[in-house]
Amino acid sequence: MPASLWSELSPSARPARLERIRAVSRVLAYACTGISFVLAVGLLAYWLASPDEAILRDAGLTGIAFHPIGWLVRLTGLVVSALPLGCLIWGLSRVRRAFTSFAAGRFFTAANIARLRDLAIAMLLSTLLKPVIGALLSILLSWQTYAQGKSVVIALSSDTLLALLFAGLVAVTAWVMAEANAIADEHAQFV
């Protein structure tokens, strides 16, 4: 084991390590709240204030003459695109509670394990919904064009793959924590 890792894991380093976990967890709990707020306000601002050209470009509908995007279409777009964001915000609210618990010194509890699992589920759902929602939005917005046919745009990117990988990482971490919790409970019964 490298010397730097060994010194980090030594019993004498535990108080500093616990304080660092608590301090960073407090910051991350506030960050989850702030990010949720910024994402929700940003989505609302996007659909209410973005120029029509920007919305069509983001939906992959470029180079097509279009009708002005009406308020009904904008509100429908807002509701539809809020689905993956709602999943993500729910996951952030769950992990915020885990960070609050970490800041209080409660680490390997069943509730924290469930909160991390819920974040993984939320990220997975949000990531899988994005291409579907993008396709629905492209259909909705293509009705605003003068083109004869309607367009369906399905977009997958490296961000999608990384989000899926991160969701898997968080899920496996939650499973490992559940196993550690079960082993600790089993050892406690022998004492």
C-alpha atoms as a PDB file:
ATOM      1  CA  MET A   1       0.000   0.000   0.000  1.00  0.00           C
ATOM      2  CA  PRO A   2       1.447   3.440  -0.909  1.00  0.00           C
ATOM      3  CA  ALA A   3       2.717   5.461   2.040  1.00  0.00           C
ATOM      4  CA  SER A   4       0.351   8.388   1.401  1.00  0.00           C
ATOM      5  CA  LEU A   5      -2.696   6.106   1.430  1.00  0.00           C
ATOM      6  CA  TRP A   6      -1.454   4.308   4.540  1.00  0.00           C
ATOM      7  CA  SER A   7      -1.040   7.598   6.422  1.00  0.00           C
ATOM      8  CA  GLU A   8      -4.543   8.646   5.311  1.00  0.00           C
ATOM      9  CA  LEU A   9      -6.008   5.412   6.694  1.00  0.00           C
ATOM     10  CA  SER A  10      -4.067   5.403   9.959  1.00  0.00           C
ATOM     11  CA  PRO A  11      -6.086   5.687  13.192  1.00  0.00           C
ATOM     12  CA  SER A  12      -4.399   8.984  14.058  1.00  0.00           C
ATOM     13  CA  ALA A  13      -5.740  10.548  10.841  1.00  0.00           C
ATOM     14  CA  ARG A  14      -9.338   9.558  11.612  1.00  0.00           C
ATOM     15  CA  PRO A  15     -10.480  12.777  13.360  1.00  0.00           C
ATOM     16  CA  ALA A  16      -9.234  14.945  10.484  1.00  0.00           C
ATOM     17  CA  ARG A  17     -10.747  12.555   7.960  1.00  0.00           C
ATOM     18  CA  LEU A  18     -14.133  12.628   9.704  1.00  0.00           C
ATOM     19  CA  GLU A  19     -14.100  16.422   9.902  1.00  0.00           C
ATOM     20  CA  ARG A  20     -13.263  16.627   6.189  1.00  0.00           C
ATOM     21  CA  ILE A  21     -16.162  14.280   5.372  1.00  0.00           C
ATOM     22  CA  ARG A  22     -18.513  16.403   7.470  1.00  0.00           C
ATOM     23  CA  ALA A  23     -17.365  19.720   5.958  1.00  0.00           C
ATOM     24  CA  VAL A  24     -17.495  18.541   2.345  1.00  0.00           C
ATOM     25  CA  SER A  25     -20.861  16.862   2.956  1.00  0.00           C
ATOM     26  CA  ARG A  26     -22.339  20.123   4.270  1.00  0.00           C
ATOM     27  CA  VAL A  27     -21.155  21.950   1.139  1.00  0.00           C
ATOM     28  CA  LEU A  28     -22.510  19.217  -1.132  1.00  0.00           C
ATOM     29  CA  ALA A  29     -25.897  19.243   0.618  1.00  0.00           C
ATOM     30  CA  TYR A  30     -26.208  22.978  -0.095  1.00  0.00           C
ATOM     31  CA  ALA A  31     -24.937  22.402  -3.647  1.00  0.00           C
ATOM     32  CA  CYS A  32     -27.697  19.833  -4.295  1.00  0.00           C
ATOM     33  CA  THR A  33     -30.317  22.393  -3.277  1.00  0.00           C
ATOM     34  CA  GLY A  34     -28.717  25.171  -5.313  1.00  0.00           C
ATOM     35  CA  ILE A  35     -28.261  23.026  -8.415  1.00  0.00           C
ATOM     36  CA  SER A  36     -31.878  21.851  -8.248  1.00  0.00           C
ATOM     37  CA  PHE A  37     -33.086  25.446  -8.055  1.00  0.00           C
ATOM     38  CA  VAL A  38     -30.827  26.652 -10.889  1.00  0.00           C
ATOM     39  CA  LEU A  39     -31.856  23.759 -13.156  1.00  0.00           C
ATOM     40  CA  ALA A  40     -35.576  24.331 -12.563  1.00  0.00           C
ATOM     41  CA  VAL A  41     -35.349  28.096 -13.087  1.00  0.00           C
ATOM     42  CA  GLY A  42     -33.108  27.591 -16.125  1.00  0.00           C
ATOM     43  CA  LEU A  43     -35.589  25.227 -17.777  1.00  0.00           C
ATOM     44  CA  LEU A  44     -38.440  27.649 -17.137  1.00  0.00           C
ATOM     45  CA  ALA A  45     -36.421  30.582 -18.499  1.00  0.00           C
ATOM     46  CA  TYR A  46     -35.381  28.569 -21.555  1.00  0.00           C
ATOM     47  CA  TRP A  47     -38.946  27.774 -22.615  1.00  0.00           C
ATOM     48  CA  LEU A  48     -40.365  31.204 -21.757  1.00  0.00           C
ATOM     49  CA  ALA A  49     -37.590  33.490 -23.034  1.00  0.00           C
ATOM     50  CA  SER A  50     -35.496  31.719 -25.693  1.00  0.00           C
ATOM     51  CA  PRO A  51     -35.881  32.879 -29.289  1.00  0.00           C
ATOM     52  CA  ASP A  52     -37.708  30.474 -31.587  1.00  0.00           C
ATOM     53  CA  GLU A  53     -34.555  29.912 -33.660  1.00  0.00           C
ATOM     54  CA  ALA A  54     -32.600  28.790 -30.594  1.00  0.00           C
ATOM     55  CA  ILE A  55     -35.285  26.317 -29.525  1.00  0.00           C
ATOM     56  CA  LEU A  56     -35.504  24.801 -33.019  1.00  0.00           C
ATOM     57  CA  ARG A  57     -31.706  24.637 -33.313  1.00  0.00           C
ATOM     58  CA  ASP A  58     -31.436  22.873 -29.939  1.00  0.00           C
ATOM     59  CA  ALA A  59     -34.074  20.367 -31.098  1.00  0.00           C
ATOM     60  CA  GLY A  60     -31.990  19.611 -34.197  1.00  0.00           C
ATOM     61  CA  LEU A  61     -34.413  21.347 -36.561  1.00  0.00           C
ATOM     62  CA  THR A  62     -32.121  23.735 -38.414  1.00  0.00           C
ATOM     63  CA  GLY A  63     -32.441  25.248 -41.858  1.00  0.00           C
ATOM     64  CA  ILE A  64     -36.227  24.945 -41.949  1.00  0.00           C
ATOM     65  CA  ALA A  65     -38.695  27.825 -42.289  1.00  0.00           C
ATOM     66  CA  PHE A  66     -41.010  27.878 -39.289  1.00  0.00           C
ATOM     67  CA  HIS A  67     -44.074  29.499 -37.808  1.00  0.00           C
ATOM     68  CA  PRO A  68     -43.548  31.437 -34.577  1.00  0.00           C
ATOM     69  CA  ILE A  69     -43.636  29.061 -31.626  1.00  0.00           C
ATOM     70  CA  GLY A  70     -46.826  29.784 -29.712  1.00  0.00           C
ATOM     71  CA  TRP A  71     -47.291  29.762 -25.959  1.00  0.00           C
ATOM     72  CA  LEU A  72     -49.190  26.473 -25.995  1.00  0.00           C
ATOM     73  CA  VAL A  73     -46.258  24.755 -27.734  1.00  0.00           C
ATOM     74  CA  ARG A  74     -43.768  26.403 -25.363  1.00  0.00           C
ATOM     75  CA  LEU A  75     -45.751  25.301 -22.296  1.00  0.00           C
ATOM     76  CA  THR A  76     -46.102  21.772 -23.693  1.00  0.00           C
ATOM     77  CA  GLY A  77     -42.354  21.720 -24.362  1.00  0.00           C
ATOM     78  CA  LEU A  78     -41.719  22.889 -20.799  1.00  0.00           C
ATOM     79  CA  VAL A  79     -43.901  20.151 -19.322  1.00  0.00           C
ATOM     80  CA  VAL A  80     -42.410  17.431 -21.528  1.00  0.00           C
ATOM     81  CA  SER A  81     -38.805  18.475 -20.889  1.00  0.00           C
ATOM     82  CA  ALA A  82     -39.493  18.737 -17.154  1.00  0.00           C
ATOM     83  CA  LEU A  83     -39.870  14.953 -16.898  1.00  0.00           C
ATOM     84  CA  PRO A  84     -36.156  14.029 -16.967  1.00  0.00           C
ATOM     85  CA  LEU A  85     -35.337  17.120 -14.922  1.00  0.00           C
ATOM     86  CA  GLY A  86     -37.920  16.114 -12.318  1.00  0.00           C
ATOM     87  CA  CYS A  87     -36.221  12.715 -11.990  1.00  0.00           C
ATOM     88  CA  LEU A  88     -32.846  14.386 -11.547  1.00  0.00           C
ATOM     89  CA  ILE A  89     -34.128  16.887  -8.976  1.00  0.00           C
ATOM     90  CA  TRP A  90     -35.751  14.059  -7.003  1.00  0.00           C
ATOM     91  CA  GLY A  91     -32.403  12.219  -6.998  1.00  0.00           C
ATOM     92  CA  LEU A  92     -30.585  15.373  -5.880  1.00  0.00           C
ATOM     93  CA  SER A  93     -33.070  15.840  -3.032  1.00  0.00           C
ATOM     94  CA  ARG A  94     -32.467  12.252  -1.913  1.00  0.00           C
ATOM     95  CA  VAL A  95     -28.669  12.536  -2.012  1.00  0.00           C
ATOM     96  CA  ARG A  96     -28.891  15.927  -0.260  1.00  0.00           C
ATOM     97  CA  ARG A  97     -30.415  14.101   2.701  1.00  0.00           C
ATOM     98  CA  ALA A  98     -27.555  11.573   2.573  1.00  0.00           C
ATOM     99  CA  PHE A  99     -25.000  14.411   2.638  1.00  0.00           C
ATOM    100  CA  THR A 100     -26.838  15.976   5.588  1.00  0.00           C
ATOM    101  CA  SER A 101     -26.640  12.636   7.372  1.00  0.00           C
ATOM    102  CA  PHE A 102     -22.915  12.320   6.539  1.00  0.00           C
ATOM    103  CA  ALA A 103     -22.366  15.821   7.929  1.00  0.00           C
ATOM    104  CA  ALA A 104     -24.003  14.655  11.163  1.00  0.00           C
ATOM    105  CA  GLY A 105     -21.608  11.701  11.383  1.00  0.00           C
ATOM    106  CA  ARG A 106     -24.079   9.006  10.275  1.00  0.00           C
ATOM    107  CA  PHE A 107     -22.416   7.127   7.424  1.00  0.00           C
ATOM    108  CA  PHE A 108     -23.408   3.493   6.822  1.00  0.00           C
ATOM    109  CA  THR A 109     -27.104   3.644   7.631  1.00  0.00           C
ATOM    110  CA  ALA A 110     -29.841   1.879   5.703  1.00  0.00           C
ATOM    111  CA  ALA A 111     -31.417   5.266   4.949  1.00  0.00           C
ATOM    112  CA  ASN A 112     -28.209   6.601   3.381  1.00  0.00           C
ATOM    113  CA  ILE A 113     -27.821   3.465   1.311  1.00  0.00           C
ATOM    114  CA  ALA A 114     -31.399   3.882   0.051  1.00  0.00           C
ATOM    115  CA  ARG A 115     -30.717   7.553  -0.736  1.00  0.00           C
ATOM    116  CA  LEU A 116     -27.657   6.710  -2.830  1.00  0.00           C
ATOM    117  CA  ARG A 117     -29.623   3.964  -4.584  1.00  0.00           C
ATOM    118  CA  ASP A 118     -32.387   6.491  -5.305  1.00  0.00           C
ATOM    119  CA  LEU A 119     -29.845   8.889  -6.822  1.00  0.00           C
ATOM    120  CA  ALA A 120     -28.649   6.098  -9.122  1.00  0.00           C
ATOM    121  CA  ILE A 121     -32.229   5.303 -10.138  1.00  0.00           C
ATOM    122  CA  ALA A 122     -32.990   8.992 -10.742  1.00  0.00           C
ATOM    123  CA  MET A 123     -29.884   9.457 -12.872  1.00  0.00           C
ATOM    124  CA  LEU A 124     -30.648   6.315 -14.852  1.00  0.00           C
ATOM    125  CA  LEU A 125     -34.251   7.386 -15.499  1.00  0.00           C
ATOM    126  CA  SER A 126     -33.264  10.953 -16.371  1.00  0.00           C
ATOM    127  CA  THR A 127     -30.542   9.775 -18.751  1.00  0.00           C
ATOM    128  CA  LEU A 128     -32.777   7.213 -20.471  1.00  0.00           C
ATOM    129  CA  LEU A 129     -35.639   9.712 -20.786  1.00  0.00           C
ATOM    130  CA  LYS A 130     -33.539  12.437 -22.445  1.00  0.00           C
ATOM    131  CA  PRO A 131     -33.370  10.874 -25.943  1.00  0.00           C
ATOM    132  CA  VAL A 132     -37.071   9.950 -25.797  1.00  0.00           C
ATOM    133  CA  ILE A 133     -38.053  13.442 -24.652  1.00  0.00           C
ATOM    134  CA  GLY A 134     -35.775  14.948 -27.298  1.00  0.00           C
ATOM    135  CA  ALA A 135     -37.564  12.916 -29.976  1.00  0.00           C
ATOM    136  CA  LEU A 136     -40.970  14.003 -28.652  1.00  0.00           C
ATOM    137  CA  LEU A 137     -39.874  17.638 -28.628  1.00  0.00           C
ATOM    138  CA  SER A 138     -38.595  17.380 -32.201  1.00  0.00           C
ATOM    139  CA  ILE A 139     -41.998  16.063 -33.309  1.00  0.00           C
ATOM    140  CA  LEU A 140     -43.815  18.776 -31.359  1.00  0.00           C
ATOM    141  CA  LEU A 141     -41.592  21.531 -32.731  1.00  0.00           C
ATOM    142  CA  SER A 142     -41.610  20.213 -36.312  1.00  0.00           C
ATOM    143  CA  TRP A 143     -45.318  21.086 -36.376  1.00  0.00           C
ATOM    144  CA  GLN A 144     -44.147  24.695 -36.225  1.00  0.00           C
ATOM    145  CA  THR A 145     -42.320  24.400 -39.547  1.00  0.00           C
ATOM    146  CA  TYR A 146     -43.525  24.879 -43.107  1.00  0.00           C
ATOM    147  CA  ALA A 147     -41.972  21.545 -44.102  1.00  0.00           C
ATOM    148  CA  GLN A 148     -44.320  18.901 -45.538  1.00  0.00           C
ATOM    149  CA  GLY A 149     -43.146  16.059 -43.312  1.00  0.00           C
ATOM    150  CA  LYS A 150     -42.476  16.018 -39.620  1.00  0.00           C
ATOM    151  CA  SER A 151     -39.061  15.401 -38.119  1.00  0.00           C
ATOM    152  CA  VAL A 152     -37.917  13.032 -35.413  1.00  0.00           C
ATOM    153  CA  VAL A 153     -34.486  13.733 -33.953  1.00  0.00           C
ATOM    154  CA  ILE A 154     -32.870  11.216 -31.614  1.00  0.00           C
ATOM    155  CA  ALA A 155     -29.654  12.421 -30.028  1.00  0.00           C
ATOM    156  CA  LEU A 156     -27.184  10.308 -28.071  1.00  0.00           C
ATOM    157  CA  SER A 157     -23.879  11.707 -26.907  1.00  0.00           C
ATOM    158  CA  SER A 158     -20.882  10.883 -24.781  1.00  0.00           C
ATOM    159  CA  ASP A 159     -22.632  12.795 -21.971  1.00  0.00           C
ATOM    160  CA  THR A 160     -25.387  10.165 -22.076  1.00  0.00           C
ATOM    161  CA  LEU A 161     -22.876   7.346 -21.793  1.00  0.00           C
ATOM    162  CA  LEU A 162     -20.990   9.060 -18.957  1.00  0.00           C
ATOM    163  CA  ALA A 163     -24.233   9.691 -17.060  1.00  0.00           C
ATOM    164  CA  LEU A 164     -25.150   6.006 -17.420  1.00  0.00           C
ATOM    165  CA  LEU A 165     -21.685   5.028 -16.193  1.00  0.00           C
ATOM    166  CA  PHE A 166     -21.990   7.379 -13.211  1.00  0.00           C
ATOM    167  CA  ALA A 167     -25.450   6.006 -12.362  1.00  0.00           C
ATOM    168  CA  GLY A 168     -23.945   2.511 -12.400  1.00  0.00           C
ATOM    169  CA  LEU A 169     -21.060   3.641 -10.191  1.00  0.00           C
ATOM    170  CA  VAL A 170     -23.446   5.117  -7.614  1.00  0.00           C
ATOM    171  CA  ALA A 171     -25.637   1.983  -7.699  1.00  0.00           C
ATOM    172  CA  VAL A 172     -22.652  -0.327  -7.117  1.00  0.00           C
ATOM    173  CA  THR A 173     -21.397   1.955  -4.317  1.00  0.00           C
ATOM    174  CA  ALA A 174     -24.821   1.716  -2.652  1.00  0.00           C
ATOM    175  CA  TRP A 175     -24.733  -2.090  -2.974  1.00  0.00           C
ATOM    176  CA  VAL A 176     -21.235  -2.222  -1.462  1.00  0.00           C
ATOM    177  CA  MET A 177     -22.387   0.000   1.410  1.00  0.00           C
ATOM    178  CA  ALA A 178     -25.378  -2.308   1.971  1.00  0.00           C
ATOM    179  CA  GLU A 179     -23.039  -5.295   2.095  1.00  0.00           C
ATOM    180  CA  ALA A 180     -20.708  -3.504   4.544  1.00  0.00           C
ATOM    181  CA  ASN A 181     -23.726  -2.624   6.689  1.00  0.00           C
ATOM    182  CA  ALA A 182     -24.889  -6.260   6.669  1.00  0.00           C
ATOM    183  CA  ILE A 183     -21.393  -7.481   7.651  1.00  0.00           C
ATOM    184  CA  ALA A 184     -21.222  -4.916  10.471  1.00  0.00           C
ATOM    185  CA  ASP A 185     -24.634  -6.038  11.762  1.00  0.00           C
ATOM    186  CA  GLU A 186     -23.540  -9.660  11.602  1.00  0.00           C
ATOM    187  CA  HIS A 187     -20.359  -8.917  13.545  1.00  0.00           C
ATOM    188  CA  ALA A 188     -22.309  -6.928  16.127  1.00  0.00           C
ATOM    189  CA  GLN A 189     -24.436 -10.019  16.865  1.00  0.00           C
ATOM    190  CA  PHE A 190     -21.325 -11.982  17.865  1.00  0.00           C
ATOM    191  CA  VAL A 191     -20.254  -9.430  20.470  1.00  0.00           C
END
